[in-house]
Amino acid sequence: MDARSWLEYTGWLRYAARGGHIPGAVHLEWKRTLQGDGTLRPPPQLKALVQHKGLPPQQRIITYCQSGVRAAHLAWVLGQLGYEVAVYDGSWAEWGNDPQLPVE
């Protein structure tokens, strides 16, 4: 699950040698988990947000962003909702700079 902005996810904005996203990655910008005042959305809203992405609760999710910070936030939220979650530490800084890895 890609926690970056839509512009980063689509490759229009890039902070690595290549733009785009990991093939098959679902996009959910970490900011969408927050309300207008910066507090976390209530659990029912968060659950609906994630379910809208088509992720069943039993699916293990790996989050990433550019360097892992936004991915850690999203992983924590998903963990609170009962998902099994891991953070891809290298995130896009690693993946987007490795010409041997596929990009969408």
PDB file of N, CA and C in Angstrom:
ATOM      1  N   MET A   1       0.838  -1.159   0.000  1.00  0.00           N
ATOM      2  CA  MET A   1       0.000   0.000   0.000  1.00  0.00           C
ATOM      3  C   MET A   1       0.893   1.236   0.000  1.00  0.00           C
ATOM      4  N   ASP A   2       0.668   2.099  -0.945  1.00  0.00           N
ATOM      5  CA  ASP A   2       1.459   3.306  -1.130  1.00  0.00           C
ATOM      6  C   ASP A   2       0.832   4.455  -0.349  1.00  0.00           C
ATOM      7  N   ALA A   3       1.563   4.997   0.608  1.00  0.00           N
ATOM      8  CA  ALA A   3       1.057   6.062   1.474  1.00  0.00           C
ATOM      9  C   ALA A   3       1.389   7.459   0.957  1.00  0.00           C
ATOM     10  N   ARG A   4       2.037   7.551  -0.195  1.00  0.00           N
ATOM     11  CA  ARG A   4       2.455   8.840  -0.728  1.00  0.00           C
ATOM     12  C   ARG A   4       1.278   9.607  -1.342  1.00  0.00           C
ATOM     13  N   SER A   5       1.570  10.815  -1.794  1.00  0.00           N
ATOM     14  CA  SER A   5       0.550  11.630  -2.463  1.00  0.00           C
ATOM     15  C   SER A   5       0.201  11.009  -3.818  1.00  0.00           C
ATOM     16  N   TRP A   6      -0.939  11.430  -4.358  1.00  0.00           N
ATOM     17  CA  TRP A   6      -1.370  10.944  -5.674  1.00  0.00           C
ATOM     18  C   TRP A   6      -0.330  11.324  -6.732  1.00  0.00           C
ATOM     19  N   LEU A   7       0.229  12.523  -6.643  1.00  0.00           N
ATOM     20  CA  LEU A   7       1.235  12.954  -7.619  1.00  0.00           C
ATOM     21  C   LEU A   7       2.477  12.071  -7.574  1.00  0.00           C
ATOM     22  N   GLU A   8       2.882  11.652  -6.397  1.00  0.00           N
ATOM     23  CA  GLU A   8       4.024  10.746  -6.278  1.00  0.00           C
ATOM     24  C   GLU A   8       3.665   9.361  -6.818  1.00  0.00           C
ATOM     25  N   TYR A   9       2.495   8.872  -6.446  1.00  0.00           N
ATOM     26  CA  TYR A   9       2.032   7.547  -6.863  1.00  0.00           C
ATOM     27  C   TYR A   9       1.975   7.437  -8.387  1.00  0.00           C
ATOM     28  N   THR A  10       1.496   8.489  -9.047  1.00  0.00           N
ATOM     29  CA  THR A  10       1.365   8.460 -10.505  1.00  0.00           C
ATOM     30  C   THR A  10       2.663   8.773 -11.227  1.00  0.00           C
ATOM     31  N   GLY A  11       3.666   9.268 -10.501  1.00  0.00           N
ATOM     32  CA  GLY A  11       4.944   9.575 -11.119  1.00  0.00           C
ATOM     33  C   GLY A  11       5.094  11.018 -11.572  1.00  0.00           C
ATOM     34  N   TRP A  12       4.074  11.832 -11.380  1.00  0.00           N
ATOM     35  CA  TRP A  12       4.155  13.242 -11.769  1.00  0.00           C
ATOM     36  C   TRP A  12       5.126  14.009 -10.881  1.00  0.00           C
ATOM     37  N   LEU A  13       5.252  13.578  -9.658  1.00  0.00           N
ATOM     38  CA  LEU A  13       6.192  14.174  -8.713  1.00  0.00           C
ATOM     39  C   LEU A  13       7.098  13.051  -8.245  1.00  0.00           C
ATOM     40  N   ARG A  14       8.390  13.238  -8.389  1.00  0.00           N
ATOM     41  CA  ARG A  14       9.277  12.146  -7.991  1.00  0.00           C
ATOM     42  C   ARG A  14      10.469  12.643  -7.207  1.00  0.00           C
ATOM     43  N   TYR A  15      10.870  11.787  -6.268  1.00  0.00           N
ATOM     44  CA  TYR A  15      12.020  12.052  -5.413  1.00  0.00           C
ATOM     45  C   TYR A  15      13.026  10.906  -5.516  1.00  0.00           C
ATOM     46  N   ALA A  16      12.973  10.208  -6.636  1.00  0.00           N
ATOM     47  CA  ALA A  16      13.889   9.107  -6.920  1.00  0.00           C
ATOM     48  C   ALA A  16      14.216   9.183  -8.405  1.00  0.00           C
ATOM     49  N   ALA A  17      15.104   8.319  -8.868  1.00  0.00           N
ATOM     50  CA  ALA A  17      15.485   8.318 -10.281  1.00  0.00           C
ATOM     51  C   ALA A  17      14.286   8.073 -11.188  1.00  0.00           C
ATOM     52  N   ARG A  18      13.340   7.269 -10.705  1.00  0.00           N
ATOM     53  CA  ARG A  18      12.144   6.959 -11.497  1.00  0.00           C
ATOM     54  C   ARG A  18      10.907   7.331 -10.707  1.00  0.00           C
ATOM     55  N   GLY A  19       9.858   7.674 -11.427  1.00  0.00           N
ATOM     56  CA  GLY A  19       8.578   7.959 -10.796  1.00  0.00           C
ATOM     57  C   GLY A  19       7.634   6.791 -10.985  1.00  0.00           C
ATOM     58  N   GLY A  20       6.543   6.813 -10.257  1.00  0.00           N
ATOM     59  CA  GLY A  20       5.546   5.756 -10.363  1.00  0.00           C
ATOM     60  C   GLY A  20       5.361   5.050  -9.044  1.00  0.00           C
ATOM     61  N   HIS A  21       4.958   3.779  -9.132  1.00  0.00           N
ATOM     62  CA  HIS A  21       4.719   3.004  -7.917  1.00  0.00           C
ATOM     63  C   HIS A  21       5.052   1.534  -8.148  1.00  0.00           C
ATOM     64  N   ILE A  22       5.135   0.810  -7.067  1.00  0.00           N
ATOM     65  CA  ILE A  22       5.391  -0.625  -7.123  1.00  0.00           C
ATOM     66  C   ILE A  22       4.195  -1.299  -7.792  1.00  0.00           C
ATOM     67  N   PRO A  23       4.436  -2.174  -8.780  1.00  0.00           N
ATOM     68  CA  PRO A  23       3.327  -2.837  -9.460  1.00  0.00           C
ATOM     69  C   PRO A  23       2.374  -3.521  -8.473  1.00  0.00           C
ATOM     70  N   GLY A  24       1.095  -3.267  -8.663  1.00  0.00           N
ATOM     71  CA  GLY A  24       0.062  -3.855  -7.819  1.00  0.00           C
ATOM     72  C   GLY A  24      -0.227  -3.089  -6.544  1.00  0.00           C
ATOM     73  N   ALA A  25       0.531  -2.024  -6.287  1.00  0.00           N
ATOM     74  CA  ALA A  25       0.323  -1.253  -5.053  1.00  0.00           C
ATOM     75  C   ALA A  25      -1.016  -0.526  -5.083  1.00  0.00           C
ATOM     76  N   VAL A  26      -1.686  -0.565  -3.963  1.00  0.00           N
ATOM     77  CA  VAL A  26      -2.931   0.172  -3.767  1.00  0.00           C
ATOM     78  C   VAL A  26      -2.559   1.518  -3.156  1.00  0.00           C
ATOM     79  N   HIS A  27      -3.180   2.575  -3.646  1.00  0.00           N
ATOM     80  CA  HIS A  27      -2.855   3.912  -3.146  1.00  0.00           C
ATOM     81  C   HIS A  27      -3.823   4.335  -2.044  1.00  0.00           C
ATOM     82  N   LEU A  28      -3.267   4.755  -0.918  1.00  0.00           N
ATOM     83  CA  LEU A  28      -4.043   5.376   0.162  1.00  0.00           C
ATOM     84  C   LEU A  28      -3.130   6.385   0.838  1.00  0.00           C
ATOM     85  N   GLU A  29      -3.271   7.646   0.441  1.00  0.00           N
ATOM     86  CA  GLU A  29      -2.419   8.681   1.027  1.00  0.00           C
ATOM     87  C   GLU A  29      -2.668   8.746   2.525  1.00  0.00           C
ATOM     88  N   TRP A  30      -1.605   8.764   3.283  1.00  0.00           N
ATOM     89  CA  TRP A  30      -1.682   8.725   4.743  1.00  0.00           C
ATOM     90  C   TRP A  30      -2.557   9.834   5.301  1.00  0.00           C
ATOM     91  N   LYS A  31      -2.582  10.994   4.665  1.00  0.00           N
ATOM     92  CA  LYS A  31      -3.377  12.129   5.147  1.00  0.00           C
ATOM     93  C   LYS A  31      -4.876  11.837   5.160  1.00  0.00           C
ATOM     94  N   ARG A  32      -5.297  10.891   4.351  1.00  0.00           N
ATOM     95  CA  ARG A  32      -6.732  10.553   4.289  1.00  0.00           C
ATOM     96  C   ARG A  32      -7.214   9.933   5.601  1.00  0.00           C
ATOM     97  N   THR A  33      -6.295   9.502   6.439  1.00  0.00           N
ATOM     98  CA  THR A  33      -6.674   8.917   7.732  1.00  0.00           C
ATOM     99  C   THR A  33      -6.949   9.992   8.783  1.00  0.00           C
ATOM    100  N   LEU A  34      -6.706  11.250   8.411  1.00  0.00           N
ATOM    101  CA  LEU A  34      -6.861  12.361   9.355  1.00  0.00           C
ATOM    102  C   LEU A  34      -8.096  13.201   9.044  1.00  0.00           C
ATOM    103  N   GLN A  35      -8.638  13.805  10.083  1.00  0.00           N
ATOM    104  CA  GLN A  35      -9.728  14.755   9.934  1.00  0.00           C
ATOM    105  C   GLN A  35      -9.133  16.130   9.630  1.00  0.00           C
ATOM    106  N   GLY A  36      -9.985  17.096   9.340  1.00  0.00           N
ATOM    107  CA  GLY A  36      -9.529  18.440   9.009  1.00  0.00           C
ATOM    108  C   GLY A  36      -8.696  19.098  10.088  1.00  0.00           C
ATOM    109  N   ASP A  37      -8.943  18.741  11.348  1.00  0.00           N
ATOM    110  CA  ASP A  37      -8.188  19.348  12.452  1.00  0.00           C
ATOM    111  C   ASP A  37      -6.897  18.589  12.776  1.00  0.00           C
ATOM    112  N   GLY A  38      -6.562  17.585  11.961  1.00  0.00           N
ATOM    113  CA  GLY A  38      -5.324  16.846  12.148  1.00  0.00           C
ATOM    114  C   GLY A  38      -5.419  15.645  13.067  1.00  0.00           C
ATOM    115  N   THR A  39      -6.589  15.418  13.657  1.00  0.00           N
ATOM    116  CA  THR A  39      -6.765  14.239  14.501  1.00  0.00           C
ATOM    117  C   THR A  39      -7.174  13.045  13.642  1.00  0.00           C
ATOM    118  N   LEU A  40      -6.982  11.879  14.189  1.00  0.00           N
ATOM    119  CA  LEU A  40      -7.303  10.651  13.475  1.00  0.00           C
ATOM    120  C   LEU A  40      -8.814  10.513  13.286  1.00  0.00           C
ATOM    121  N   ARG A  41      -9.204  10.043  12.123  1.00  0.00           N
ATOM    122  CA  ARG A  41     -10.627   9.772  11.871  1.00  0.00           C
ATOM    123  C   ARG A  41     -11.103   8.690  12.834  1.00  0.00           C
ATOM    124  N   PRO A  42     -12.394   8.656  13.134  1.00  0.00           N
ATOM    125  CA  PRO A  42     -12.930   7.594  13.993  1.00  0.00           C
ATOM    126  C   PRO A  42     -12.767   6.220  13.320  1.00  0.00           C
ATOM    127  N   PRO A  43     -12.622   5.159  14.118  1.00  0.00           N
ATOM    128  CA  PRO A  43     -12.423   3.815  13.560  1.00  0.00           C
ATOM    129  C   PRO A  43     -13.428   3.406  12.473  1.00  0.00           C
ATOM    130  N   PRO A  44     -14.731   3.680  12.606  1.00  0.00           N
ATOM    131  CA  PRO A  44     -15.636   3.276  11.522  1.00  0.00           C
ATOM    132  C   PRO A  44     -15.305   3.952  10.178  1.00  0.00           C
ATOM    133  N   GLN A  45     -14.882   5.209  10.231  1.00  0.00           N
ATOM    134  CA  GLN A  45     -14.496   5.911   8.999  1.00  0.00           C
ATOM    135  C   GLN A  45     -13.214   5.332   8.419  1.00  0.00           C
ATOM    136  N   LEU A  46     -12.258   5.015   9.286  1.00  0.00           N
ATOM    137  CA  LEU A  46     -11.007   4.421   8.826  1.00  0.00           C
ATOM    138  C   LEU A  46     -11.249   3.057   8.206  1.00  0.00           C
ATOM    139  N   LYS A  47     -12.081   2.274   8.851  1.00  0.00           N
ATOM    140  CA  LYS A  47     -12.396   0.942   8.333  1.00  0.00           C
ATOM    141  C   LYS A  47     -13.057   1.040   6.958  1.00  0.00           C
ATOM    142  N   ALA A  48     -13.981   1.980   6.800  1.00  0.00           N
ATOM    143  CA  ALA A  48     -14.657   2.180   5.511  1.00  0.00           C
ATOM    144  C   ALA A  48     -13.667   2.631   4.443  1.00  0.00           C
ATOM    145  N   LEU A  49     -12.747   3.499   4.819  1.00  0.00           N
ATOM    146  CA  LEU A  49     -11.727   4.001   3.895  1.00  0.00           C
ATOM    147  C   LEU A  49     -10.874   2.853   3.359  1.00  0.00           C
ATOM    148  N   VAL A  50     -10.458   1.969   4.247  1.00  0.00           N
ATOM    149  CA  VAL A  50      -9.617   0.843   3.850  1.00  0.00           C
ATOM    150  C   VAL A  50     -10.435  -0.195   3.075  1.00  0.00           C
ATOM    151  N   GLN A  51     -11.630  -0.473   3.511  1.00  0.00           N
ATOM    152  CA  GLN A  51     -12.468  -1.450   2.811  1.00  0.00           C
ATOM    153  C   GLN A  51     -12.805  -0.976   1.403  1.00  0.00           C
ATOM    154  N   HIS A  52     -12.928   0.341   1.229  1.00  0.00           N
ATOM    155  CA  HIS A  52     -13.191   0.907  -0.090  1.00  0.00           C
ATOM    156  C   HIS A  52     -12.053   0.581  -1.062  1.00  0.00           C
ATOM    157  N   LYS A  53     -10.869   0.355  -0.537  1.00  0.00           N
ATOM    158  CA  LYS A  53      -9.715  -0.004  -1.364  1.00  0.00           C
ATOM    159  C   LYS A  53      -9.727  -1.483  -1.734  1.00  0.00           C
ATOM    160  N   GLY A  54     -10.696  -2.244  -1.207  1.00  0.00           N
ATOM    161  CA  GLY A  54     -10.844  -3.644  -1.565  1.00  0.00           C
ATOM    162  C   GLY A  54      -9.919  -4.596  -0.845  1.00  0.00           C
ATOM    163  N   LEU A  55      -9.444  -4.202   0.318  1.00  0.00           N
ATOM    164  CA  LEU A  55      -8.519  -5.057   1.064  1.00  0.00           C
ATOM    165  C   LEU A  55      -9.253  -5.841   2.142  1.00  0.00           C
ATOM    166  N   PRO A  56      -9.320  -7.150   2.010  1.00  0.00           N
ATOM    167  CA  PRO A  56      -9.969  -7.958   3.043  1.00  0.00           C
ATOM    168  C   PRO A  56      -9.145  -7.950   4.329  1.00  0.00           C
ATOM    169  N   PRO A  57      -9.802  -8.020   5.489  1.00  0.00           N
ATOM    170  CA  PRO A  57      -9.099  -7.950   6.778  1.00  0.00           C
ATOM    171  C   PRO A  57      -8.025  -9.017   6.974  1.00  0.00           C
ATOM    172  N   GLN A  58      -8.143 -10.155   6.323  1.00  0.00           N
ATOM    173  CA  GLN A  58      -7.167 -11.221   6.513  1.00  0.00           C
ATOM    174  C   GLN A  58      -5.928 -11.044   5.634  1.00  0.00           C
ATOM    175  N   GLN A  59      -5.919 -10.044   4.766  1.00  0.00           N
ATOM    176  CA  GLN A  59      -4.783  -9.832   3.875  1.00  0.00           C
ATOM    177  C   GLN A  59      -3.654  -9.094   4.595  1.00  0.00           C
ATOM    178  N   ARG A  60      -2.445  -9.610   4.462  1.00  0.00           N
ATOM    179  CA  ARG A  60      -1.264  -8.928   5.018  1.00  0.00           C
ATOM    180  C   ARG A  60      -0.940  -7.754   4.108  1.00  0.00           C
ATOM    181  N   ILE A  61      -0.657  -6.607   4.700  1.00  0.00           N
ATOM    182  CA  ILE A  61      -0.393  -5.393   3.935  1.00  0.00           C
ATOM    183  C   ILE A  61       1.016  -4.899   4.233  1.00  0.00           C
ATOM    184  N   ILE A  62       1.715  -4.511   3.187  1.00  0.00           N
ATOM    185  CA  ILE A  62       3.023  -3.896   3.327  1.00  0.00           C
ATOM    186  C   ILE A  62       2.881  -2.450   2.862  1.00  0.00           C
ATOM    187  N   THR A  63       3.224  -1.525   3.735  1.00  0.00           N
ATOM    188  CA  THR A  63       3.109  -0.116   3.394  1.00  0.00           C
ATOM    189  C   THR A  63       4.477   0.443   3.010  1.00  0.00           C
ATOM    190  N   TYR A  64       4.448   1.468   2.164  1.00  0.00           N
ATOM    191  CA  TYR A  64       5.673   2.182   1.812  1.00  0.00           C
ATOM    192  C   TYR A  64       5.323   3.614   1.436  1.00  0.00           C
ATOM    193  N   CYS A  65       6.328   4.471   1.454  1.00  0.00           N
ATOM    194  CA  CYS A  65       6.173   5.857   1.004  1.00  0.00           C
ATOM    195  C   CYS A  65       7.494   6.225   0.323  1.00  0.00           C
ATOM    196  N   GLN A  66       8.072   7.366   0.642  1.00  0.00           N
ATOM    197  CA  GLN A  66       9.376   7.726   0.088  1.00  0.00           C
ATOM    198  C   GLN A  66      10.509   7.212   0.967  1.00  0.00           C
ATOM    199  N   SER A  67      10.337   7.382   2.281  1.00  0.00           N
ATOM    200  CA  SER A  67      11.421   6.987   3.189  1.00  0.00           C
ATOM    201  C   SER A  67      10.956   6.161   4.383  1.00  0.00           C
ATOM    202  N   GLY A  68       9.667   5.907   4.506  1.00  0.00           N
ATOM    203  CA  GLY A  68       9.152   5.051   5.567  1.00  0.00           C
ATOM    204  C   GLY A  68       8.334   5.754   6.636  1.00  0.00           C
ATOM    205  N   VAL A  69       8.400   7.075   6.721  1.00  0.00           N
ATOM    206  CA  VAL A  69       7.702   7.794   7.789  1.00  0.00           C
ATOM    207  C   VAL A  69       6.190   7.754   7.587  1.00  0.00           C
ATOM    208  N   ARG A  70       5.727   8.146   6.408  1.00  0.00           N
ATOM    209  CA  ARG A  70       4.286   8.125   6.129  1.00  0.00           C
ATOM    210  C   ARG A  70       3.766   6.688   6.136  1.00  0.00           C
ATOM    211  N   ALA A  71       4.593   5.766   5.667  1.00  0.00           N
ATOM    212  CA  ALA A  71       4.219   4.352   5.670  1.00  0.00           C
ATOM    213  C   ALA A  71       4.044   3.836   7.088  1.00  0.00           C
ATOM    214  N   ALA A  72       4.866   4.311   8.022  1.00  0.00           N
ATOM    215  CA  ALA A  72       4.754   3.893   9.416  1.00  0.00           C
ATOM    216  C   ALA A  72       3.427   4.374  10.011  1.00  0.00           C
ATOM    217  N   HIS A  73       3.028   5.586   9.679  1.00  0.00           N
ATOM    218  CA  HIS A  73       1.742   6.102  10.155  1.00  0.00           C
ATOM    219  C   HIS A  73       0.606   5.218   9.634  1.00  0.00           C
ATOM    220  N   LEU A  74       0.626   4.957   8.327  1.00  0.00           N
ATOM    221  CA  LEU A  74      -0.441   4.149   7.737  1.00  0.00           C
ATOM    222  C   LEU A  74      -0.427   2.729   8.297  1.00  0.00           C
ATOM    223  N   ALA A  75       0.751   2.177   8.528  1.00  0.00           N
ATOM    224  CA  ALA A  75       0.852   0.831   9.102  1.00  0.00           C
ATOM    225  C   ALA A  75       0.252   0.796  10.499  1.00  0.00           C
ATOM    226  N   TRP A  76       0.514   1.830  11.286  1.00  0.00           N
ATOM    227  CA  TRP A  76      -0.050   1.883  12.639  1.00  0.00           C
ATOM    228  C   TRP A  76      -1.571   1.917  12.576  1.00  0.00           C
ATOM    229  N   VAL A  77      -2.116   2.743  11.705  1.00  0.00           N
ATOM    230  CA  VAL A  77      -3.580   2.833  11.555  1.00  0.00           C
ATOM    231  C   VAL A  77      -4.147   1.474  11.149  1.00  0.00           C
ATOM    232  N   LEU A  78      -3.548   0.842  10.153  1.00  0.00           N
ATOM    233  CA  LEU A  78      -4.029  -0.456   9.684  1.00  0.00           C
ATOM    234  C   LEU A  78      -3.929  -1.505  10.787  1.00  0.00           C
ATOM    235  N   GLY A  79      -2.862  -1.457  11.563  1.00  0.00           N
ATOM    236  CA  GLY A  79      -2.709  -2.376  12.685  1.00  0.00           C
ATOM    237  C   GLY A  79      -3.807  -2.194  13.718  1.00  0.00           C
ATOM    238  N   GLN A  80      -4.197  -0.940  13.970  1.00  0.00           N
ATOM    239  CA  GLN A  80      -5.283  -0.659  14.910  1.00  0.00           C
ATOM    240  C   GLN A  80      -6.614  -1.211  14.411  1.00  0.00           C
ATOM    241  N   LEU A  81      -6.729  -1.349  13.091  1.00  0.00           N
ATOM    242  CA  LEU A  81      -7.955  -1.888  12.500  1.00  0.00           C
ATOM    243  C   LEU A  81      -7.932  -3.409  12.405  1.00  0.00           C
ATOM    244  N   GLY A  82      -6.829  -4.014  12.854  1.00  0.00           N
ATOM    245  CA  GLY A  82      -6.754  -5.472  12.881  1.00  0.00           C
ATOM    246  C   GLY A  82      -6.011  -6.110  11.717  1.00  0.00           C
ATOM    247  N   TYR A  83      -5.444  -5.317  10.844  1.00  0.00           N
ATOM    248  CA  TYR A  83      -4.689  -5.876   9.732  1.00  0.00           C
ATOM    249  C   TYR A  83      -3.300  -6.304  10.197  1.00  0.00           C
ATOM    250  N   GLU A  84      -2.765  -7.316   9.537  1.00  0.00           N
ATOM    251  CA  GLU A  84      -1.368  -7.688   9.739  1.00  0.00           C
ATOM    252  C   GLU A  84      -0.566  -6.803   8.794  1.00  0.00           C
ATOM    253  N   VAL A  85       0.354  -6.018   9.340  1.00  0.00           N
ATOM    254  CA  VAL A  85       1.028  -4.986   8.552  1.00  0.00           C
ATOM    255  C   VAL A  85       2.541  -5.026   8.757  1.00  0.00           C
ATOM    256  N   ALA A  86       3.247  -4.671   7.703  1.00  0.00           N
ATOM    257  CA  ALA A  86       4.693  -4.471   7.764  1.00  0.00           C
ATOM    258  C   ALA A  86       5.013  -3.209   6.969  1.00  0.00           C
ATOM    259  N   VAL A  87       6.133  -2.571   7.292  1.00  0.00           N
ATOM    260  CA  VAL A  87       6.594  -1.389   6.567  1.00  0.00           C
ATOM    261  C   VAL A  87       7.804  -1.781   5.723  1.00  0.00           C
ATOM    262  N   TYR A  88       7.774  -1.425   4.460  1.00  0.00           N
ATOM    263  CA  TYR A  88       8.935  -1.627   3.597  1.00  0.00           C
ATOM    264  C   TYR A  88       9.900  -0.485   3.901  1.00  0.00           C
ATOM    265  N   ASP A  89      10.933  -0.788   4.680  1.00  0.00           N
ATOM    266  CA  ASP A  89      11.881   0.219   5.164  1.00  0.00           C
ATOM    267  C   ASP A  89      12.528   1.027   4.037  1.00  0.00           C
ATOM    268  N   GLY A  90      12.928   0.370   2.982  1.00  0.00           N
ATOM    269  CA  GLY A  90      13.608   1.061   1.884  1.00  0.00           C
ATOM    270  C   GLY A  90      12.696   2.007   1.133  1.00  0.00           C
ATOM    271  N   SER A  91      11.405   1.680   1.155  1.00  0.00           N
ATOM    272  CA  SER A  91      10.366   2.471   0.499  1.00  0.00           C
ATOM    273  C   SER A  91      10.774   2.881  -0.914  1.00  0.00           C
ATOM    274  N   TRP A  92      10.162   3.958  -1.407  1.00  0.00           N
ATOM    275  CA  TRP A  92      10.394   4.346  -2.794  1.00  0.00           C
ATOM    276  C   TRP A  92      11.816   4.848  -3.027  1.00  0.00           C
ATOM    277  N   ALA A  93      12.470   5.355  -1.997  1.00  0.00           N
ATOM    278  CA  ALA A  93      13.859   5.794  -2.152  1.00  0.00           C
ATOM    279  C   ALA A  93      14.729   4.639  -2.652  1.00  0.00           C
ATOM    280  N   GLU A  94      14.458   3.445  -2.175  1.00  0.00           N
ATOM    281  CA  GLU A  94      15.201   2.270  -2.621  1.00  0.00           C
ATOM    282  C   GLU A  94      14.660   1.744  -3.947  1.00  0.00           C
ATOM    283  N   TRP A  95      13.339   1.500  -3.996  1.00  0.00           N
ATOM    284  CA  TRP A  95      12.716   0.874  -5.167  1.00  0.00           C
ATOM    285  C   TRP A  95      12.858   1.758  -6.413  1.00  0.00           C
ATOM    286  N   GLY A  96      12.547   3.035  -6.266  1.00  0.00           N
ATOM    287  CA  GLY A  96      12.581   3.941  -7.415  1.00  0.00           C
ATOM    288  C   GLY A  96      13.970   4.222  -7.944  1.00  0.00           C
ATOM    289  N   ASN A  97      14.991   3.937  -7.166  1.00  0.00           N
ATOM    290  CA  ASN A  97      16.367   4.148  -7.599  1.00  0.00           C
ATOM    291  C   ASN A  97      17.050   2.877  -8.088  1.00  0.00           C
ATOM    292  N   ASP A  98      16.347   1.749  -8.062  1.00  0.00           N
ATOM    293  CA  ASP A  98      16.908   0.494  -8.534  1.00  0.00           C
ATOM    294  C   ASP A  98      16.344   0.182  -9.932  1.00  0.00           C
ATOM    295  N   PRO A  99      17.129   0.372 -10.989  1.00  0.00           N
ATOM    296  CA  PRO A  99      16.620   0.176 -12.348  1.00  0.00           C
ATOM    297  C   PRO A  99      16.215  -1.262 -12.658  1.00  0.00           C
ATOM    298  N   GLN A 100      16.580  -2.207 -11.811  1.00  0.00           N
ATOM    299  CA  GLN A 100      16.224  -3.597 -12.062  1.00  0.00           C
ATOM    300  C   GLN A 100      14.832  -3.957 -11.543  1.00  0.00           C
ATOM    301  N   LEU A 101      14.230  -3.083 -10.724  1.00  0.00           N
ATOM    302  CA  LEU A 101      12.908  -3.374 -10.160  1.00  0.00           C
ATOM    303  C   LEU A 101      11.816  -2.785 -11.041  1.00  0.00           C
ATOM    304  N   PRO A 102      10.688  -3.496 -11.198  1.00  0.00           N
ATOM    305  CA  PRO A 102       9.615  -3.003 -12.061  1.00  0.00           C
ATOM    306  C   PRO A 102       8.869  -1.815 -11.449  1.00  0.00           C
ATOM    307  N   VAL A 103       8.344  -0.982 -12.314  1.00  0.00           N
ATOM    308  CA  VAL A 103       7.605   0.217 -11.894  1.00  0.00           C
ATOM    309  C   VAL A 103       6.348   0.344 -12.760  1.00  0.00           C
ATOM    310  N   GLU A 104       5.263   0.725 -12.122  1.00  0.00           N
ATOM    311  CA  GLU A 104       4.040   1.081 -12.883  1.00  0.00           C
ATOM    312  C   GLU A 104       3.908   2.577 -12.853  1.00  0.00           C
TER     313      GLU A 104
END
